mmCIF file of all heavy atoms, coordinates in Angstrom:
data_MODEL
# 
_entry.id   MODEL 
# 
loop_
_atom_site.group_PDB 
_atom_site.id 
_atom_site.type_symbol 
_atom_site.label_atom_id 
_atom_site.label_alt_id 
_atom_site.label_comp_id 
_atom_site.label_asym_id 
_atom_site.label_entity_id 
_atom_site.label_seq_id 
_atom_site.pdbx_PDB_ins_code 
_atom_site.Cartn_x 
_atom_site.Cartn_y 
_atom_site.Cartn_z 
_atom_site.occupancy 
_atom_site.B_iso_or_equiv 
_atom_site.pdbx_formal_charge 
_atom_site.auth_seq_id 
_atom_site.auth_comp_id 
_atom_site.auth_asym_id 
_atom_site.auth_atom_id 
_atom_site.pdbx_PDB_model_num 
ATOM 1   N N   . HIS A 1 1  ? 0.837   -1.213 0.017  1.00 0.00 ? 1  HIS A N   1 
ATOM 2   C CA  . HIS A 1 1  ? -0.059  -0.049 -0.103 1.00 0.00 ? 1  HIS A CA  1 
ATOM 3   C C   . HIS A 1 1  ? 0.883   1.196  0.002  1.00 0.00 ? 1  HIS A C   1 
ATOM 4   O O   . HIS A 1 1  ? 2.066   1.246  0.615  1.00 0.00 ? 1  HIS A O   1 
ATOM 5   C CB  . HIS A 1 1  ? -0.883  -0.015 1.241  1.00 0.00 ? 1  HIS A CB  1 
ATOM 6   C CG  . HIS A 1 1  ? -2.004  -1.070 1.240  1.00 0.00 ? 1  HIS A CG  1 
ATOM 7   N ND1 . HIS A 1 1  ? -3.039  -0.814 0.443  1.00 0.00 ? 1  HIS A ND1 1 
ATOM 8   C CD2 . HIS A 1 1  ? -2.101  -2.100 1.997  1.00 0.00 ? 1  HIS A CD2 1 
ATOM 9   C CE1 . HIS A 1 1  ? -3.918  -1.852 0.672  1.00 0.00 ? 1  HIS A CE1 1 
ATOM 10  N NE2 . HIS A 1 1  ? -3.337  -2.632 1.597  1.00 0.00 ? 1  HIS A NE2 1 
ATOM 11  N N   . SER A 1 2  ? 0.515   2.319  -0.604 1.00 0.00 ? 2  SER A N   1 
ATOM 12  C CA  . SER A 1 2  ? 1.261   3.527  -0.766 1.00 0.00 ? 2  SER A CA  1 
ATOM 13  C C   . SER A 1 2  ? 1.565   4.135  0.745  1.00 0.00 ? 2  SER A C   1 
ATOM 14  O O   . SER A 1 2  ? 2.611   4.661  0.887  1.00 0.00 ? 2  SER A O   1 
ATOM 15  C CB  . SER A 1 2  ? 0.642   4.564  -1.603 1.00 0.00 ? 2  SER A CB  1 
ATOM 16  O OG  . SER A 1 2  ? -0.693  4.892  -1.226 1.00 0.00 ? 2  SER A OG  1 
ATOM 17  N N   . VAL A 1 3  ? 0.710   3.854  1.650  1.00 0.00 ? 3  VAL A N   1 
ATOM 18  C CA  . VAL A 1 3  ? 0.992   4.427  2.943  1.00 0.00 ? 3  VAL A CA  1 
ATOM 19  C C   . VAL A 1 3  ? 2.155   3.647  3.590  1.00 0.00 ? 3  VAL A C   1 
ATOM 20  O O   . VAL A 1 3  ? 2.763   4.205  4.677  1.00 0.00 ? 3  VAL A O   1 
ATOM 21  C CB  . VAL A 1 3  ? -0.333  4.285  3.863  1.00 0.00 ? 3  VAL A CB  1 
ATOM 22  C CG1 . VAL A 1 3  ? -0.596  2.870  4.311  1.00 0.00 ? 3  VAL A CG1 1 
ATOM 23  C CG2 . VAL A 1 3  ? -0.162  5.272  5.159  1.00 0.00 ? 3  VAL A CG2 1 
ATOM 24  N N   . ARG A 1 4  ? 2.520   2.553  3.052  1.00 0.00 ? 4  ARG A N   1 
ATOM 25  C CA  . ARG A 1 4  ? 3.630   1.844  3.601  1.00 0.00 ? 4  ARG A CA  1 
ATOM 26  C C   . ARG A 1 4  ? 5.065   2.460  3.233  1.00 0.00 ? 4  ARG A C   1 
ATOM 27  O O   . ARG A 1 4  ? 6.067   1.963  3.624  1.00 0.00 ? 4  ARG A O   1 
ATOM 28  C CB  . ARG A 1 4  ? 3.550   0.363  3.143  1.00 0.00 ? 4  ARG A CB  1 
ATOM 29  C CG  . ARG A 1 4  ? 2.378   -0.451 3.710  1.00 0.00 ? 4  ARG A CG  1 
ATOM 30  C CD  . ARG A 1 4  ? 2.761   -1.039 5.074  1.00 0.00 ? 4  ARG A CD  1 
ATOM 31  N NE  . ARG A 1 4  ? 3.933   -1.935 4.955  1.00 0.00 ? 4  ARG A NE  1 
ATOM 32  C CZ  . ARG A 1 4  ? 4.643   -2.328 6.007  1.00 0.00 ? 4  ARG A CZ  1 
ATOM 33  N NH1 . ARG A 1 4  ? 4.344   -1.883 7.215  1.00 0.00 ? 4  ARG A NH1 1 
ATOM 34  N NH2 . ARG A 1 4  ? 5.690   -3.078 5.897  1.00 0.00 ? 4  ARG A NH2 1 
ATOM 35  N N   . PHE A 1 5  ? 4.901   3.495  2.352  1.00 0.00 ? 5  PHE A N   1 
ATOM 36  C CA  . PHE A 1 5  ? 6.247   4.160  1.987  1.00 0.00 ? 5  PHE A CA  1 
ATOM 37  C C   . PHE A 1 5  ? 6.252   5.494  2.467  1.00 0.00 ? 5  PHE A C   1 
ATOM 38  O O   . PHE A 1 5  ? 5.310   6.361  2.253  1.00 0.00 ? 5  PHE A O   1 
ATOM 39  C CB  . PHE A 1 5  ? 6.321   4.179  0.424  1.00 0.00 ? 5  PHE A CB  1 
ATOM 40  C CG  . PHE A 1 5  ? 6.547   2.969  -0.167 1.00 0.00 ? 5  PHE A CG  1 
ATOM 41  C CD1 . PHE A 1 5  ? 5.535   2.372  -1.070 1.00 0.00 ? 5  PHE A CD1 1 
ATOM 42  C CD2 . PHE A 1 5  ? 7.651   2.139  0.076  1.00 0.00 ? 5  PHE A CD2 1 
ATOM 43  C CE1 . PHE A 1 5  ? 5.700   1.232  -1.715 1.00 0.00 ? 5  PHE A CE1 1 
ATOM 44  C CE2 . PHE A 1 5  ? 7.849   0.840  -0.552 1.00 0.00 ? 5  PHE A CE2 1 
ATOM 45  C CZ  . PHE A 1 5  ? 6.819   0.294  -1.453 1.00 0.00 ? 5  PHE A CZ  1 
ATOM 46  N N   . LYS A 1 6  ? 7.390   5.945  3.056  1.00 0.00 ? 6  LYS A N   1 
ATOM 47  C CA  . LYS A 1 6  ? 7.582   7.201  3.725  1.00 0.00 ? 6  LYS A CA  1 
ATOM 48  C C   . LYS A 1 6  ? 7.508   8.441  2.624  1.00 0.00 ? 6  LYS A C   1 
ATOM 49  O O   . LYS A 1 6  ? 6.865   9.422  2.874  1.00 0.00 ? 6  LYS A O   1 
ATOM 50  C CB  . LYS A 1 6  ? 8.986   7.362  4.354  1.00 0.00 ? 6  LYS A CB  1 
ATOM 51  C CG  . LYS A 1 6  ? 9.149   6.447  5.571  1.00 0.00 ? 6  LYS A CG  1 
ATOM 52  C CD  . LYS A 1 6  ? 10.625  6.593  6.013  1.00 0.00 ? 6  LYS A CD  1 
ATOM 53  C CE  . LYS A 1 6  ? 10.752  5.454  7.167  1.00 0.00 ? 6  LYS A CE  1 
ATOM 54  N NZ  . LYS A 1 6  ? 12.191  5.387  7.581  1.00 0.00 ? 6  LYS A NZ  1 
ATOM 55  N N   . ASP A 1 7  ? 7.851   7.977  1.396  1.00 0.00 ? 7  ASP A N   1 
ATOM 56  C CA  . ASP A 1 7  ? 7.798   8.922  0.327  1.00 0.00 ? 7  ASP A CA  1 
ATOM 57  C C   . ASP A 1 7  ? 6.402   9.355  -0.026 1.00 0.00 ? 7  ASP A C   1 
ATOM 58  O O   . ASP A 1 7  ? 6.215   10.448 -0.534 1.00 0.00 ? 7  ASP A O   1 
ATOM 59  C CB  . ASP A 1 7  ? 8.367   8.194  -1.028 1.00 0.00 ? 7  ASP A CB  1 
ATOM 60  C CG  . ASP A 1 7  ? 9.723   7.523  -0.743 1.00 0.00 ? 7  ASP A CG  1 
ATOM 61  O OD1 . ASP A 1 7  ? 9.690   6.498  0.042  1.00 0.00 ? 7  ASP A OD1 1 
ATOM 62  O OD2 . ASP A 1 7  ? 10.701  7.911  -1.214 1.00 0.00 ? 7  ASP A OD2 1 
ATOM 63  N N   . PHE A 1 8  ? 5.448   8.531  0.302  1.00 0.00 ? 8  PHE A N   1 
ATOM 64  C CA  . PHE A 1 8  ? 3.886   8.906  -0.030 1.00 0.00 ? 8  PHE A CA  1 
ATOM 65  C C   . PHE A 1 8  ? 3.249   9.531  1.157  1.00 0.00 ? 8  PHE A C   1 
ATOM 66  O O   . PHE A 1 8  ? 2.081   10.066 0.929  1.00 0.00 ? 8  PHE A O   1 
ATOM 67  C CB  . PHE A 1 8  ? 3.225   7.587  -0.372 1.00 0.00 ? 8  PHE A CB  1 
ATOM 68  C CG  . PHE A 1 8  ? 3.486   7.126  -1.915 1.00 0.00 ? 8  PHE A CG  1 
ATOM 69  C CD1 . PHE A 1 8  ? 4.464   6.422  -2.136 1.00 0.00 ? 8  PHE A CD1 1 
ATOM 70  C CD2 . PHE A 1 8  ? 2.504   7.573  -2.911 1.00 0.00 ? 8  PHE A CD2 1 
ATOM 71  C CE1 . PHE A 1 8  ? 4.705   5.979  -3.536 1.00 0.00 ? 8  PHE A CE1 1 
ATOM 72  C CE2 . PHE A 1 8  ? 2.681   7.150  -4.158 1.00 0.00 ? 8  PHE A CE2 1 
ATOM 73  C CZ  . PHE A 1 8  ? 3.853   6.457  -4.528 1.00 0.00 ? 8  PHE A CZ  1 
ATOM 74  N N   . HIS A 1 9  ? 3.861   9.682  2.251  1.00 0.00 ? 9  HIS A N   1 
ATOM 75  C CA  . HIS A 1 9  ? 3.088   10.163 3.462  1.00 0.00 ? 9  HIS A CA  1 
ATOM 76  C C   . HIS A 1 9  ? 2.611   11.651 3.222  1.00 0.00 ? 9  HIS A C   1 
ATOM 77  O O   . HIS A 1 9  ? 1.474   11.895 3.832  1.00 0.00 ? 9  HIS A O   1 
ATOM 78  C CB  . HIS A 1 9  ? 4.013   10.088 4.705  1.00 0.00 ? 9  HIS A CB  1 
ATOM 79  C CG  . HIS A 1 9  ? 4.203   8.683  5.148  1.00 0.00 ? 9  HIS A CG  1 
ATOM 80  N ND1 . HIS A 1 9  ? 4.928   8.333  6.183  1.00 0.00 ? 9  HIS A ND1 1 
ATOM 81  C CD2 . HIS A 1 9  ? 3.439   7.591  4.818  1.00 0.00 ? 9  HIS A CD2 1 
ATOM 82  C CE1 . HIS A 1 9  ? 4.821   7.037  6.529  1.00 0.00 ? 9  HIS A CE1 1 
ATOM 83  N NE2 . HIS A 1 9  ? 3.929   6.563  5.611  1.00 0.00 ? 9  HIS A NE2 1 
ATOM 84  N N   . PRO A 1 10 ? 3.240   12.465 2.513  1.00 0.00 ? 10 PRO A N   1 
ATOM 85  C CA  . PRO A 1 10 ? 2.596   13.772 2.284  1.00 0.00 ? 10 PRO A CA  1 
ATOM 86  C C   . PRO A 1 10 ? 1.319   13.729 1.637  1.00 0.00 ? 10 PRO A C   1 
ATOM 87  O O   . PRO A 1 10 ? 0.481   14.611 1.716  1.00 0.00 ? 10 PRO A O   1 
ATOM 88  C CB  . PRO A 1 10 ? 3.750   14.497 1.423  1.00 0.00 ? 10 PRO A CB  1 
ATOM 89  C CG  . PRO A 1 10 ? 5.081   13.883 1.742  1.00 0.00 ? 10 PRO A CG  1 
ATOM 90  C CD  . PRO A 1 10 ? 4.666   12.516 1.989  1.00 0.00 ? 10 PRO A CD  1 
ATOM 91  N N   . CYS A 1 11 ? 1.080   12.611 0.818  1.00 0.00 ? 11 CYS A N   1 
ATOM 92  C CA  . CYS A 1 11 ? -0.216  12.583 0.085  1.00 0.00 ? 11 CYS A CA  1 
ATOM 93  C C   . CYS A 1 11 ? -1.338  12.178 1.104  1.00 0.00 ? 11 CYS A C   1 
ATOM 94  O O   . CYS A 1 11 ? -2.500  12.279 0.707  1.00 0.00 ? 11 CYS A O   1 
ATOM 95  C CB  . CYS A 1 11 ? -0.151  11.454 -0.941 1.00 0.00 ? 11 CYS A CB  1 
ATOM 96  S SG  . CYS A 1 11 ? 1.084   11.679 -2.217 1.00 0.00 ? 11 CYS A SG  1 
ATOM 97  N N   . PHE A 1 12 ? -1.010  11.904 2.323  1.00 0.00 ? 12 PHE A N   1 
ATOM 98  C CA  . PHE A 1 12 ? -2.063  11.537 3.341  1.00 0.00 ? 12 PHE A CA  1 
ATOM 99  C C   . PHE A 1 12 ? -2.317  12.671 4.329  1.00 0.00 ? 12 PHE A C   1 
ATOM 100 O O   . PHE A 1 12 ? -2.921  12.479 5.258  1.00 0.00 ? 12 PHE A O   1 
ATOM 101 C CB  . PHE A 1 12 ? -1.642  10.270 4.097  1.00 0.00 ? 12 PHE A CB  1 
ATOM 102 C CG  . PHE A 1 12 ? -1.605  8.976  3.321  1.00 0.00 ? 12 PHE A CG  1 
ATOM 103 C CD1 . PHE A 1 12 ? -0.721  8.706  2.464  1.00 0.00 ? 12 PHE A CD1 1 
ATOM 104 C CD2 . PHE A 1 12 ? -2.776  8.124  3.322  1.00 0.00 ? 12 PHE A CD2 1 
ATOM 105 C CE1 . PHE A 1 12 ? -0.717  7.537  1.683  1.00 0.00 ? 12 PHE A CE1 1 
ATOM 106 C CE2 . PHE A 1 12 ? -2.897  6.963  2.618  1.00 0.00 ? 12 PHE A CE2 1 
ATOM 107 C CZ  . PHE A 1 12 ? -1.889  6.559  1.838  1.00 0.00 ? 12 PHE A CZ  1 
ATOM 108 N N   . LYS A 1 13 ? -1.717  13.828 3.983  1.00 0.00 ? 13 LYS A N   1 
ATOM 109 C CA  . LYS A 1 13 ? -1.836  15.019 4.869  1.00 0.00 ? 13 LYS A CA  1 
ATOM 110 C C   . LYS A 1 13 ? -3.315  15.307 5.328  1.00 0.00 ? 13 LYS A C   1 
ATOM 111 O O   . LYS A 1 13 ? -3.488  15.376 6.462  1.00 0.00 ? 13 LYS A O   1 
ATOM 112 C CB  . LYS A 1 13 ? -1.154  16.147 4.253  1.00 0.00 ? 13 LYS A CB  1 
ATOM 113 C CG  . LYS A 1 13 ? -1.225  17.432 5.087  1.00 0.00 ? 13 LYS A CG  1 
ATOM 114 C CD  . LYS A 1 13 ? -0.467  18.637 4.373  1.00 0.00 ? 13 LYS A CD  1 
ATOM 115 C CE  . LYS A 1 13 ? -0.524  19.832 5.231  1.00 0.00 ? 13 LYS A CE  1 
ATOM 116 N NZ  . LYS A 1 13 ? -1.875  20.398 5.468  1.00 0.00 ? 13 LYS A NZ  1 
ATOM 117 N N   . GLU A 1 14 ? -4.049  15.525 4.327  1.00 0.00 ? 14 GLU A N   1 
ATOM 118 C CA  . GLU A 1 14 ? -5.488  15.910 4.596  1.00 0.00 ? 14 GLU A CA  1 
ATOM 119 C C   . GLU A 1 14 ? -6.281  14.779 5.275  1.00 0.00 ? 14 GLU A C   1 
ATOM 120 O O   . GLU A 1 14 ? -7.110  14.945 6.163  1.00 0.00 ? 14 GLU A O   1 
ATOM 121 C CB  . GLU A 1 14 ? -6.241  16.382 3.345  1.00 0.00 ? 14 GLU A CB  1 
ATOM 122 C CG  . GLU A 1 14 ? -5.631  17.636 2.695  1.00 0.00 ? 14 GLU A CG  1 
ATOM 123 C CD  . GLU A 1 14 ? -4.479  17.379 1.810  1.00 0.00 ? 14 GLU A CD  1 
ATOM 124 O OE1 . GLU A 1 14 ? -4.118  16.132 1.646  1.00 0.00 ? 14 GLU A OE1 1 
ATOM 125 O OE2 . GLU A 1 14 ? -3.932  18.280 1.143  1.00 0.00 ? 14 GLU A OE2 1 
ATOM 126 N N   . ALA A 1 15 ? -6.045  13.574 4.784  1.00 0.00 ? 15 ALA A N   1 
ATOM 127 C CA  . ALA A 1 15 ? -6.676  12.377 5.436  1.00 0.00 ? 15 ALA A CA  1 
ATOM 128 C C   . ALA A 1 15 ? -6.319  12.278 6.893  1.00 0.00 ? 15 ALA A C   1 
ATOM 129 O O   . ALA A 1 15 ? -7.116  11.968 7.744  1.00 0.00 ? 15 ALA A O   1 
ATOM 130 C CB  . ALA A 1 15 ? -6.421  11.159 4.731  1.00 0.00 ? 15 ALA A CB  1 
ATOM 131 N N   . ARG A 1 16 ? -5.033  12.530 7.192  1.00 0.00 ? 16 ARG A N   1 
ATOM 132 C CA  . ARG A 1 16 ? -4.568  12.431 8.606  1.00 0.00 ? 16 ARG A CA  1 
ATOM 133 C C   . ARG A 1 16 ? -5.211  13.518 9.472  1.00 0.00 ? 16 ARG A C   1 
ATOM 134 O O   . ARG A 1 16 ? -5.460  13.229 10.680 1.00 0.00 ? 16 ARG A O   1 
ATOM 135 C CB  . ARG A 1 16 ? -3.083  12.592 8.503  1.00 0.00 ? 16 ARG A CB  1 
ATOM 136 C CG  . ARG A 1 16 ? -2.276  12.461 9.842  1.00 0.00 ? 16 ARG A CG  1 
ATOM 137 C CD  . ARG A 1 16 ? -0.790  12.551 9.540  1.00 0.00 ? 16 ARG A CD  1 
ATOM 138 N NE  . ARG A 1 16 ? -0.092  12.332 10.708 1.00 0.00 ? 16 ARG A NE  1 
ATOM 139 C CZ  . ARG A 1 16 ? 1.313   12.088 10.701 1.00 0.00 ? 16 ARG A CZ  1 
ATOM 140 N NH1 . ARG A 1 16 ? 1.921   12.175 9.603  1.00 0.00 ? 16 ARG A NH1 1 
ATOM 141 N NH2 . ARG A 1 16 ? 1.890   11.975 11.836 1.00 0.00 ? 16 ARG A NH2 1 
ATOM 142 N N   . GLU A 1 17 ? -5.427  14.622 8.849  1.00 0.00 ? 17 GLU A N   1 
ATOM 143 C CA  . GLU A 1 17 ? -6.124  15.707 9.690  1.00 0.00 ? 17 GLU A CA  1 
ATOM 144 C C   . GLU A 1 17 ? -7.615  15.715 9.696  1.00 0.00 ? 17 GLU A C   1 
ATOM 145 O O   . GLU A 1 17 ? -8.183  16.552 10.490 1.00 0.00 ? 17 GLU A O   1 
ATOM 146 C CB  . GLU A 1 17 ? -5.677  17.045 9.055  1.00 0.00 ? 17 GLU A CB  1 
ATOM 147 C CG  . GLU A 1 17 ? -4.096  17.233 9.102  1.00 0.00 ? 17 GLU A CG  1 
ATOM 148 C CD  . GLU A 1 17 ? -3.625  18.519 8.436  1.00 0.00 ? 17 GLU A CD  1 
ATOM 149 O OE1 . GLU A 1 17 ? -4.512  19.133 7.564  1.00 0.00 ? 17 GLU A OE1 1 
ATOM 150 O OE2 . GLU A 1 17 ? -2.378  18.931 8.518  1.00 0.00 ? 17 GLU A OE2 1 
ATOM 151 N N   . TYR A 1 18 ? -8.239  14.852 9.058  1.00 0.00 ? 18 TYR A N   1 
ATOM 152 C CA  . TYR A 1 18 ? -9.658  14.773 8.918  1.00 0.00 ? 18 TYR A CA  1 
ATOM 153 C C   . TYR A 1 18 ? -10.309 14.437 10.301 1.00 0.00 ? 18 TYR A C   1 
ATOM 154 O O   . TYR A 1 18 ? -11.368 15.020 10.576 1.00 0.00 ? 18 TYR A O   1 
ATOM 155 C CB  . TYR A 1 18 ? -10.044 13.651 7.856  1.00 0.00 ? 18 TYR A CB  1 
ATOM 156 C CG  . TYR A 1 18 ? -11.471 13.681 7.437  1.00 0.00 ? 18 TYR A CG  1 
ATOM 157 C CD1 . TYR A 1 18 ? -11.881 14.326 6.318  1.00 0.00 ? 18 TYR A CD1 1 
ATOM 158 C CD2 . TYR A 1 18 ? -12.378 12.981 8.146  1.00 0.00 ? 18 TYR A CD2 1 
ATOM 159 C CE1 . TYR A 1 18 ? -13.293 14.416 5.972  1.00 0.00 ? 18 TYR A CE1 1 
ATOM 160 C CE2 . TYR A 1 18 ? -13.725 12.898 7.844  1.00 0.00 ? 18 TYR A CE2 1 
ATOM 161 C CZ  . TYR A 1 18 ? -14.165 13.673 6.750  1.00 0.00 ? 18 TYR A CZ  1 
ATOM 162 O OH  . TYR A 1 18 ? -15.482 13.536 6.413  1.00 0.00 ? 18 TYR A OH  1 
ATOM 163 N N   . SER A 1 19 ? -9.751  13.475 10.963 1.00 0.00 ? 19 SER A N   1 
ATOM 164 C CA  . SER A 1 19 ? -10.251 13.062 12.307 1.00 0.00 ? 19 SER A CA  1 
ATOM 165 C C   . SER A 1 19 ? -9.252  12.435 13.180 1.00 0.00 ? 19 SER A C   1 
ATOM 166 O O   . SER A 1 19 ? -8.227  12.063 12.658 1.00 0.00 ? 19 SER A O   1 
ATOM 167 C CB  . SER A 1 19 ? -11.476 12.120 12.007 1.00 0.00 ? 19 SER A CB  1 
ATOM 168 O OG  . SER A 1 19 ? -10.988 10.835 11.564 1.00 0.00 ? 19 SER A OG  1 
ATOM 169 N N   . LEU A 1 20 ? -9.474  12.335 14.498 1.00 0.00 ? 20 LEU A N   1 
ATOM 170 C CA  . LEU A 1 20 ? -8.642  11.700 15.327 1.00 0.00 ? 20 LEU A CA  1 
ATOM 171 C C   . LEU A 1 20 ? -8.438  10.241 15.032 1.00 0.00 ? 20 LEU A C   1 
ATOM 172 O O   . LEU A 1 20 ? -7.304  9.710  15.066 1.00 0.00 ? 20 LEU A O   1 
ATOM 173 C CB  . LEU A 1 20 ? -9.125  11.808 16.880 1.00 0.00 ? 20 LEU A CB  1 
ATOM 174 C CG  . LEU A 1 20 ? -8.295  11.292 17.912 1.00 0.00 ? 20 LEU A CG  1 
ATOM 175 C CD1 . LEU A 1 20 ? -6.859  11.875 17.892 1.00 0.00 ? 20 LEU A CD1 1 
ATOM 176 C CD2 . LEU A 1 20 ? -8.931  11.418 19.289 1.00 0.00 ? 20 LEU A CD2 1 
ATOM 177 N N   . TYR A 1 21 ? -9.489  9.571  14.669 1.00 0.00 ? 21 TYR A N   1 
ATOM 178 C CA  . TYR A 1 21 ? -9.344  8.241  14.196 1.00 0.00 ? 21 TYR A CA  1 
ATOM 179 C C   . TYR A 1 21 ? -8.370  8.058  13.099 1.00 0.00 ? 21 TYR A C   1 
ATOM 180 O O   . TYR A 1 21 ? -7.503  7.140  13.024 1.00 0.00 ? 21 TYR A O   1 
ATOM 181 C CB  . TYR A 1 21 ? -10.674 7.547  13.866 1.00 0.00 ? 21 TYR A CB  1 
ATOM 182 C CG  . TYR A 1 21 ? -10.648 6.284  13.184 1.00 0.00 ? 21 TYR A CG  1 
ATOM 183 C CD1 . TYR A 1 21 ? -10.655 5.020  13.983 1.00 0.00 ? 21 TYR A CD1 1 
ATOM 184 C CD2 . TYR A 1 21 ? -10.592 6.028  11.799 1.00 0.00 ? 21 TYR A CD2 1 
ATOM 185 C CE1 . TYR A 1 21 ? -10.484 3.763  13.352 1.00 0.00 ? 21 TYR A CE1 1 
ATOM 186 C CE2 . TYR A 1 21 ? -10.531 4.859  11.314 1.00 0.00 ? 21 TYR A CE2 1 
ATOM 187 C CZ  . TYR A 1 21 ? -10.558 3.806  12.077 1.00 0.00 ? 21 TYR A CZ  1 
ATOM 188 O OH  . TYR A 1 21 ? -10.435 2.454  11.471 1.00 0.00 ? 21 TYR A OH  1 
ATOM 189 N N   . GLN A 1 22 ? -8.534  8.874  12.094 1.00 0.00 ? 22 GLN A N   1 
ATOM 190 C CA  . GLN A 1 22 ? -7.652  8.710  10.933 1.00 0.00 ? 22 GLN A CA  1 
ATOM 191 C C   . GLN A 1 22 ? -6.307  9.127  11.138 1.00 0.00 ? 22 GLN A C   1 
ATOM 192 O O   . GLN A 1 22 ? -5.244  8.641  10.648 1.00 0.00 ? 22 GLN A O   1 
ATOM 193 C CB  . GLN A 1 22 ? -8.212  9.575  9.715  1.00 0.00 ? 22 GLN A CB  1 
ATOM 194 C CG  . GLN A 1 22 ? -9.503  8.942  9.161  1.00 0.00 ? 22 GLN A CG  1 
ATOM 195 C CD  . GLN A 1 22 ? -10.164 9.635  7.970  1.00 0.00 ? 22 GLN A CD  1 
ATOM 196 O OE1 . GLN A 1 22 ? -11.221 9.418  7.631  1.00 0.00 ? 22 GLN A OE1 1 
ATOM 197 N NE2 . GLN A 1 22 ? -9.407  10.569 7.351  1.00 0.00 ? 22 GLN A NE2 1 
ATOM 198 N N   . LYS A 1 23 ? -6.080  10.160 12.054 1.00 0.00 ? 23 LYS A N   1 
ATOM 199 C CA  . LYS A 1 23 ? -4.822  10.543 12.458 1.00 0.00 ? 23 LYS A CA  1 
ATOM 200 C C   . LYS A 1 23 ? -3.984  9.392  13.146 1.00 0.00 ? 23 LYS A C   1 
ATOM 201 O O   . LYS A 1 23 ? -2.879  9.152  12.748 1.00 0.00 ? 23 LYS A O   1 
ATOM 202 C CB  . LYS A 1 23 ? -4.776  11.707 13.489 1.00 0.00 ? 23 LYS A CB  1 
ATOM 203 C CG  . LYS A 1 23 ? -3.522  12.340 13.892 1.00 0.00 ? 23 LYS A CG  1 
ATOM 204 C CD  . LYS A 1 23 ? -3.709  13.604 14.782 1.00 0.00 ? 23 LYS A CD  1 
ATOM 205 C CE  . LYS A 1 23 ? -2.434  14.276 15.170 1.00 0.00 ? 23 LYS A CE  1 
ATOM 206 N NZ  . LYS A 1 23 ? -1.663  13.383 16.061 1.00 0.00 ? 23 LYS A NZ  1 
ATOM 207 N N   . ARG A 1 24 ? -4.673  8.667  14.056 1.00 0.00 ? 24 ARG A N   1 
ATOM 208 C CA  . ARG A 1 24 ? -4.098  7.575  14.741 1.00 0.00 ? 24 ARG A CA  1 
ATOM 209 C C   . ARG A 1 24 ? -3.783  6.488  13.682 1.00 0.00 ? 24 ARG A C   1 
ATOM 210 O O   . ARG A 1 24 ? -2.677  5.791  13.732 1.00 0.00 ? 24 ARG A O   1 
ATOM 211 C CB  . ARG A 1 24 ? -5.036  7.091  15.816 1.00 0.00 ? 24 ARG A CB  1 
ATOM 212 C CG  . ARG A 1 24 ? -5.132  8.037  17.040 1.00 0.00 ? 24 ARG A CG  1 
ATOM 213 C CD  . ARG A 1 24 ? -6.169  7.576  17.968 1.00 0.00 ? 24 ARG A CD  1 
ATOM 214 N NE  . ARG A 1 24 ? -6.123  8.356  19.168 1.00 0.00 ? 24 ARG A NE  1 
ATOM 215 C CZ  . ARG A 1 24 ? -7.101  8.364  20.116 1.00 0.00 ? 24 ARG A CZ  1 
ATOM 216 N NH1 . ARG A 1 24 ? -8.222  7.598  19.928 1.00 0.00 ? 24 ARG A NH1 1 
ATOM 217 N NH2 . ARG A 1 24 ? -6.989  9.143  21.189 1.00 0.00 ? 24 ARG A NH2 1 
ATOM 218 N N   . TRP A 1 25 ? -4.677  6.195  12.725 1.00 0.00 ? 25 TRP A N   1 
ATOM 219 C CA  . TRP A 1 25 ? -4.488  5.160  11.781 1.00 0.00 ? 25 TRP A CA  1 
ATOM 220 C C   . TRP A 1 25 ? -3.186  5.414  10.922 1.00 0.00 ? 25 TRP A C   1 
ATOM 221 O O   . TRP A 1 25 ? -2.430  4.411  10.682 1.00 0.00 ? 25 TRP A O   1 
ATOM 222 C CB  . TRP A 1 25 ? -5.730  5.040  10.916 1.00 0.00 ? 25 TRP A CB  1 
ATOM 223 C CG  . TRP A 1 25 ? -5.647  3.823  10.016 1.00 0.00 ? 25 TRP A CG  1 
ATOM 224 C CD1 . TRP A 1 25 ? -6.065  2.591  10.163 1.00 0.00 ? 25 TRP A CD1 1 
ATOM 225 C CD2 . TRP A 1 25 ? -5.094  3.888  8.533  1.00 0.00 ? 25 TRP A CD2 1 
ATOM 226 N NE1 . TRP A 1 25 ? -5.873  1.845  9.035  1.00 0.00 ? 25 TRP A NE1 1 
ATOM 227 C CE2 . TRP A 1 25 ? -5.277  2.635  8.143  1.00 0.00 ? 25 TRP A CE2 1 
ATOM 228 C CE3 . TRP A 1 25 ? -4.517  4.857  7.834  1.00 0.00 ? 25 TRP A CE3 1 
ATOM 229 C CZ2 . TRP A 1 25 ? -4.818  2.351  6.691  1.00 0.00 ? 25 TRP A CZ2 1 
ATOM 230 C CZ3 . TRP A 1 25 ? -4.041  4.623  6.534  1.00 0.00 ? 25 TRP A CZ3 1 
ATOM 231 C CH2 . TRP A 1 25 ? -4.220  3.304  6.031  1.00 0.00 ? 25 TRP A CH2 1 
# 
């Protein structure tokens, strides 16, 4: 999965900030 690569983590910025659940995930 792309989330398994550090290089892709900036692509998850908005998803990470969407909710506490998603931030923890």
